[in-house]
Amino acid sequence: MSRLSPKATKKINLGDDEWIEIRSSISFDELSSVIADVAAATGTSDLKAQLNGTLALAEKAVVGWCIHDDEGVEVPFDAAQIKNLDFRTMMLVQKEIEELYMPEKKT
């Protein structure tokens, strides 16, 4: 096993034939660009800062998806559209990211 950040991914099953694909690991360099903001927001009442940290991390981790719009048409993956995911889906993505990247946070 390489200690360099691998290219492997993990699919998060959303049901209804939808999924989000995230990187199974992230490099220290990539993570360090957002971790300070995430850490600063953890345990604070500043919900906006916490959500911004969640979004920044998701933008680094999510590499693909199969998601459908209200009419059932598949929406092409676009990293700029991650911020448009619903809150429940983002929290699911965040939970998976924490379990993969920060194993000491496992519940």
N, C-alpha and C. Protein backbone atom coordinates (compact mmCIF):
# COMPACT_ATOMS: atom_id res chain seq x y z
N MET A 1 0.84 -1.18 0.00
CA MET A 1 0.00 0.00 0.00
C MET A 1 0.88 1.24 0.00
N SER A 2 0.59 2.15 -0.88
CA SER A 2 1.33 3.40 -0.96
C SER A 2 0.88 4.36 0.14
N ARG A 3 1.79 5.11 0.66
CA ARG A 3 1.46 6.14 1.64
C ARG A 3 1.15 7.47 0.96
N LEU A 4 1.30 7.51 -0.36
CA LEU A 4 0.89 8.69 -1.10
C LEU A 4 -0.62 8.60 -1.29
N SER A 5 -1.26 9.73 -1.38
CA SER A 5 -2.72 9.74 -1.51
C SER A 5 -3.15 9.00 -2.78
N PRO A 6 -3.88 7.88 -2.60
CA PRO A 6 -4.25 7.07 -3.77
C PRO A 6 -5.38 7.71 -4.57
N LYS A 7 -5.60 7.17 -5.74
CA LYS A 7 -6.67 7.65 -6.61
C LYS A 7 -7.98 6.91 -6.36
N ALA A 8 -7.98 5.97 -5.42
CA ALA A 8 -9.16 5.16 -5.16
C ALA A 8 -10.33 6.03 -4.71
N THR A 9 -11.54 5.55 -4.99
CA THR A 9 -12.74 6.27 -4.61
C THR A 9 -13.72 5.33 -3.91
N LYS A 10 -14.71 5.93 -3.30
CA LYS A 10 -15.78 5.18 -2.63
C LYS A 10 -17.11 5.78 -3.08
N LYS A 11 -18.06 4.92 -3.41
CA LYS A 11 -19.39 5.40 -3.79
C LYS A 11 -20.30 5.38 -2.57
N ILE A 12 -21.00 6.47 -2.38
CA ILE A 12 -22.00 6.58 -1.33
C ILE A 12 -23.35 6.35 -2.00
N ASN A 13 -24.02 5.28 -1.64
CA ASN A 13 -25.31 4.94 -2.22
C ASN A 13 -26.38 5.84 -1.62
N LEU A 14 -27.07 6.60 -2.48
CA LEU A 14 -28.12 7.50 -2.02
C LEU A 14 -29.51 6.90 -2.19
N GLY A 15 -29.57 5.70 -2.78
CA GLY A 15 -30.86 5.08 -3.08
C GLY A 15 -31.39 5.58 -4.42
N ASP A 16 -32.45 4.94 -4.91
CA ASP A 16 -33.07 5.33 -6.18
C ASP A 16 -32.06 5.40 -7.33
N ASP A 17 -31.09 4.50 -7.33
CA ASP A 17 -30.05 4.45 -8.36
C ASP A 17 -29.21 5.73 -8.42
N GLU A 18 -29.11 6.44 -7.32
CA GLU A 18 -28.26 7.63 -7.25
C GLU A 18 -27.09 7.35 -6.31
N TRP A 19 -25.97 7.98 -6.59
CA TRP A 19 -24.78 7.83 -5.76
C TRP A 19 -23.90 9.06 -5.90
N ILE A 20 -23.01 9.21 -4.93
CA ILE A 20 -21.97 10.25 -4.97
C ILE A 20 -20.65 9.53 -4.76
N GLU A 21 -19.66 9.86 -5.55
CA GLU A 21 -18.35 9.24 -5.47
C GLU A 21 -17.37 10.21 -4.82
N ILE A 22 -16.71 9.73 -3.76
CA ILE A 22 -15.71 10.56 -3.09
C ILE A 22 -14.36 9.85 -3.11
N ARG A 23 -13.33 10.65 -3.04
CA ARG A 23 -11.98 10.09 -2.96
C ARG A 23 -11.84 9.38 -1.62
N SER A 24 -11.21 8.21 -1.62
CA SER A 24 -11.06 7.46 -0.38
C SER A 24 -9.95 8.00 0.51
N SER A 25 -9.16 8.89 -0.04
CA SER A 25 -8.09 9.52 0.71
C SER A 25 -7.80 10.88 0.08
N ILE A 26 -7.20 11.72 0.85
CA ILE A 26 -6.85 13.05 0.36
C ILE A 26 -5.45 13.38 0.86
N SER A 27 -4.70 14.10 0.08
CA SER A 27 -3.31 14.38 0.48
C SER A 27 -3.27 15.41 1.61
N PHE A 28 -2.21 15.37 2.35
CA PHE A 28 -2.01 16.33 3.44
C PHE A 28 -2.09 17.75 2.91
N ASP A 29 -1.46 17.98 1.76
CA ASP A 29 -1.45 19.32 1.19
C ASP A 29 -2.87 19.81 0.88
N GLU A 30 -3.66 18.94 0.25
CA GLU A 30 -5.03 19.33 -0.08
C GLU A 30 -5.87 19.54 1.18
N LEU A 31 -5.71 18.67 2.14
CA LEU A 31 -6.49 18.77 3.36
C LEU A 31 -6.09 20.00 4.17
N SER A 32 -4.81 20.31 4.19
CA SER A 32 -4.35 21.45 4.99
C SER A 32 -4.92 22.76 4.49
N SER A 33 -5.31 22.81 3.22
CA SER A 33 -5.86 24.06 2.70
C SER A 33 -7.24 24.37 3.25
N VAL A 34 -7.92 23.38 3.80
CA VAL A 34 -9.25 23.62 4.37
C VAL A 34 -9.36 23.27 5.85
N ILE A 35 -8.46 22.48 6.38
CA ILE A 35 -8.60 21.95 7.73
C ILE A 35 -8.56 23.04 8.80
N ALA A 36 -7.79 24.08 8.60
CA ALA A 36 -7.73 25.14 9.61
C ALA A 36 -9.09 25.79 9.79
N ASP A 37 -9.79 26.04 8.69
CA ASP A 37 -11.12 26.62 8.78
C ASP A 37 -12.10 25.67 9.43
N VAL A 38 -12.01 24.40 9.07
CA VAL A 38 -12.90 23.39 9.65
C VAL A 38 -12.64 23.28 11.15
N ALA A 39 -11.37 23.20 11.53
CA ALA A 39 -11.01 23.07 12.94
C ALA A 39 -11.44 24.30 13.74
N ALA A 40 -11.27 25.47 13.16
CA ALA A 40 -11.64 26.70 13.85
C ALA A 40 -13.15 26.76 14.10
N ALA A 41 -13.92 26.20 13.20
CA ALA A 41 -15.37 26.25 13.31
C ALA A 41 -15.93 25.16 14.21
N THR A 42 -15.18 24.08 14.39
CA THR A 42 -15.66 22.96 15.21
C THR A 42 -15.85 23.42 16.65
N GLY A 43 -16.98 23.12 17.17
CA GLY A 43 -17.26 23.46 18.55
C GLY A 43 -17.70 24.90 18.75
N THR A 44 -17.86 25.64 17.69
CA THR A 44 -18.33 27.00 17.82
C THR A 44 -19.81 27.07 17.47
N SER A 45 -20.42 28.17 17.79
CA SER A 45 -21.83 28.36 17.43
C SER A 45 -21.95 29.04 16.07
N ASP A 46 -20.84 29.28 15.40
CA ASP A 46 -20.85 29.92 14.09
C ASP A 46 -21.20 28.88 13.02
N LEU A 47 -22.48 28.68 12.82
CA LEU A 47 -22.95 27.65 11.90
C LEU A 47 -22.49 27.94 10.47
N LYS A 48 -22.45 29.19 10.06
CA LYS A 48 -22.02 29.54 8.70
C LYS A 48 -20.58 29.08 8.47
N ALA A 49 -19.71 29.28 9.45
CA ALA A 49 -18.32 28.84 9.32
C ALA A 49 -18.24 27.32 9.23
N GLN A 50 -19.05 26.63 10.02
CA GLN A 50 -19.05 25.17 9.98
C GLN A 50 -19.51 24.68 8.61
N LEU A 51 -20.56 25.28 8.07
CA LEU A 51 -21.07 24.87 6.77
C LEU A 51 -20.08 25.18 5.65
N ASN A 52 -19.39 26.31 5.76
CA ASN A 52 -18.37 26.65 4.76
C ASN A 52 -17.23 25.64 4.78
N GLY A 53 -16.85 25.18 5.97
CA GLY A 53 -15.81 24.17 6.09
C GLY A 53 -16.25 22.84 5.49
N THR A 54 -17.50 22.47 5.73
CA THR A 54 -18.06 21.26 5.15
C THR A 54 -18.06 21.33 3.64
N LEU A 55 -18.46 22.46 3.10
CA LEU A 55 -18.49 22.63 1.64
C LEU A 55 -17.08 22.58 1.06
N ALA A 56 -16.14 23.26 1.68
CA ALA A 56 -14.76 23.27 1.16
C ALA A 56 -14.18 21.86 1.11
N LEU A 57 -14.45 21.08 2.14
CA LEU A 57 -13.95 19.71 2.16
C LEU A 57 -14.65 18.85 1.11
N ALA A 58 -15.95 19.01 0.97
CA ALA A 58 -16.69 18.26 -0.05
C ALA A 58 -16.20 18.59 -1.45
N GLU A 59 -15.87 19.85 -1.69
CA GLU A 59 -15.38 20.24 -3.01
C GLU A 59 -14.05 19.57 -3.34
N LYS A 60 -13.26 19.23 -2.34
CA LYS A 60 -12.01 18.51 -2.57
C LYS A 60 -12.25 17.01 -2.73
N ALA A 61 -13.28 16.48 -2.05
CA ALA A 61 -13.47 15.04 -1.97
C ALA A 61 -14.36 14.46 -3.06
N VAL A 62 -15.43 15.15 -3.41
CA VAL A 62 -16.39 14.59 -4.36
C VAL A 62 -15.81 14.65 -5.77
N VAL A 63 -15.83 13.50 -6.46
CA VAL A 63 -15.26 13.43 -7.81
C VAL A 63 -16.27 13.00 -8.87
N GLY A 64 -17.47 12.67 -8.44
CA GLY A 64 -18.47 12.28 -9.42
C GLY A 64 -19.79 11.99 -8.74
N TRP A 65 -20.83 11.87 -9.56
CA TRP A 65 -22.14 11.49 -9.02
C TRP A 65 -23.06 11.01 -10.11
N CYS A 66 -24.11 10.38 -9.68
CA CYS A 66 -25.26 10.06 -10.52
C CYS A 66 -26.45 10.57 -9.73
N ILE A 67 -26.89 11.75 -10.10
CA ILE A 67 -28.01 12.43 -9.43
C ILE A 67 -28.98 12.88 -10.50
N HIS A 68 -30.25 12.84 -10.15
CA HIS A 68 -31.29 13.22 -11.11
C HIS A 68 -32.03 14.47 -10.63
N ASP A 69 -32.47 15.29 -11.58
CA ASP A 69 -33.24 16.48 -11.23
C ASP A 69 -34.70 16.09 -10.98
N ASP A 70 -35.55 17.06 -10.74
CA ASP A 70 -36.96 16.80 -10.42
C ASP A 70 -37.70 16.08 -11.53
N GLU A 71 -37.22 16.20 -12.76
CA GLU A 71 -37.85 15.52 -13.89
C GLU A 71 -37.26 14.15 -14.16
N GLY A 72 -36.28 13.73 -13.34
CA GLY A 72 -35.66 12.42 -13.51
C GLY A 72 -34.51 12.41 -14.50
N VAL A 73 -34.07 13.58 -14.95
CA VAL A 73 -32.96 13.68 -15.90
C VAL A 73 -31.65 13.70 -15.11
N GLU A 74 -30.68 12.89 -15.55
CA GLU A 74 -29.39 12.85 -14.87
C GLU A 74 -28.68 14.19 -15.00
N VAL A 75 -28.18 14.69 -13.88
CA VAL A 75 -27.46 15.96 -13.83
C VAL A 75 -25.97 15.65 -13.95
N PRO A 76 -25.30 16.16 -15.00
CA PRO A 76 -23.86 15.91 -15.14
C PRO A 76 -23.09 16.44 -13.93
N PHE A 77 -22.05 15.68 -13.52
CA PHE A 77 -21.25 16.13 -12.38
C PHE A 77 -20.53 17.42 -12.73
N ASP A 78 -20.60 18.35 -11.79
CA ASP A 78 -19.90 19.63 -11.89
C ASP A 78 -19.55 20.03 -10.46
N ALA A 79 -18.26 20.07 -10.15
CA ALA A 79 -17.83 20.38 -8.78
C ALA A 79 -18.41 21.69 -8.28
N ALA A 80 -18.65 22.63 -9.17
CA ALA A 80 -19.22 23.91 -8.76
C ALA A 80 -20.67 23.76 -8.29
N GLN A 81 -21.30 22.64 -8.60
CA GLN A 81 -22.69 22.41 -8.21
C GLN A 81 -22.83 21.67 -6.88
N ILE A 82 -21.71 21.29 -6.28
CA ILE A 82 -21.78 20.58 -5.00
C ILE A 82 -22.54 21.41 -3.97
N LYS A 83 -22.36 22.71 -4.02
CA LYS A 83 -23.05 23.59 -3.05
C LYS A 83 -24.56 23.56 -3.20
N ASN A 84 -25.07 23.01 -4.29
CA ASN A 84 -26.51 22.95 -4.52
C ASN A 84 -27.14 21.64 -4.04
N LEU A 85 -26.32 20.72 -3.51
CA LEU A 85 -26.88 19.50 -2.93
C LEU A 85 -27.74 19.87 -1.72
N ASP A 86 -28.76 19.07 -1.46
CA ASP A 86 -29.59 19.36 -0.30
C ASP A 86 -28.81 19.09 0.99
N PHE A 87 -29.30 19.66 2.07
CA PHE A 87 -28.59 19.59 3.35
C PHE A 87 -28.39 18.15 3.82
N ARG A 88 -29.43 17.32 3.70
CA ARG A 88 -29.35 15.93 4.14
C ARG A 88 -28.23 15.19 3.40
N THR A 89 -28.15 15.42 2.09
CA THR A 89 -27.12 14.76 1.29
C THR A 89 -25.73 15.25 1.68
N MET A 90 -25.60 16.56 1.89
CA MET A 90 -24.29 17.10 2.30
C MET A 90 -23.85 16.54 3.64
N MET A 91 -24.77 16.36 4.56
CA MET A 91 -24.41 15.81 5.86
C MET A 91 -24.00 14.33 5.74
N LEU A 92 -24.63 13.61 4.84
CA LEU A 92 -24.23 12.23 4.57
C LEU A 92 -22.82 12.19 3.98
N VAL A 93 -22.55 13.07 3.03
CA VAL A 93 -21.21 13.17 2.43
C VAL A 93 -20.19 13.54 3.51
N GLN A 94 -20.53 14.51 4.36
CA GLN A 94 -19.62 14.93 5.42
C GLN A 94 -19.30 13.78 6.37
N LYS A 95 -20.30 13.00 6.73
CA LYS A 95 -20.09 11.86 7.63
C LYS A 95 -19.12 10.85 7.00
N GLU A 96 -19.32 10.55 5.72
CA GLU A 96 -18.42 9.61 5.02
C GLU A 96 -17.00 10.16 4.94
N ILE A 97 -16.87 11.46 4.66
CA ILE A 97 -15.56 12.08 4.58
C ILE A 97 -14.85 11.98 5.93
N GLU A 98 -15.54 12.30 6.99
CA GLU A 98 -14.93 12.23 8.32
C GLU A 98 -14.47 10.82 8.65
N GLU A 99 -15.27 9.82 8.30
CA GLU A 99 -14.89 8.44 8.58
C GLU A 99 -13.67 8.00 7.78
N LEU A 100 -13.54 8.50 6.54
CA LEU A 100 -12.41 8.13 5.71
C LEU A 100 -11.14 8.90 6.05
N TYR A 101 -11.27 10.21 6.21
CA TYR A 101 -10.10 11.08 6.35
C TYR A 101 -9.66 11.31 7.78
N MET A 102 -10.60 11.19 8.71
CA MET A 102 -10.31 11.49 10.11
C MET A 102 -10.80 10.32 10.96
N PRO A 103 -10.12 9.17 10.87
CA PRO A 103 -10.62 7.96 11.51
C PRO A 103 -10.81 8.08 13.02
N GLU A 104 -10.12 8.98 13.67
CA GLU A 104 -10.29 9.15 15.11
C GLU A 104 -11.66 9.74 15.46
N LYS A 105 -12.38 10.25 14.45
CA LYS A 105 -13.71 10.82 14.70
C LYS A 105 -14.82 9.78 14.54
N LYS A 106 -14.47 8.54 14.23
CA LYS A 106 -15.50 7.52 14.05
C LYS A 106 -16.35 7.41 15.30
N THR A 107 -17.65 7.21 15.05
CA THR A 107 -18.57 7.10 16.20
C THR A 107 -18.99 5.66 16.39
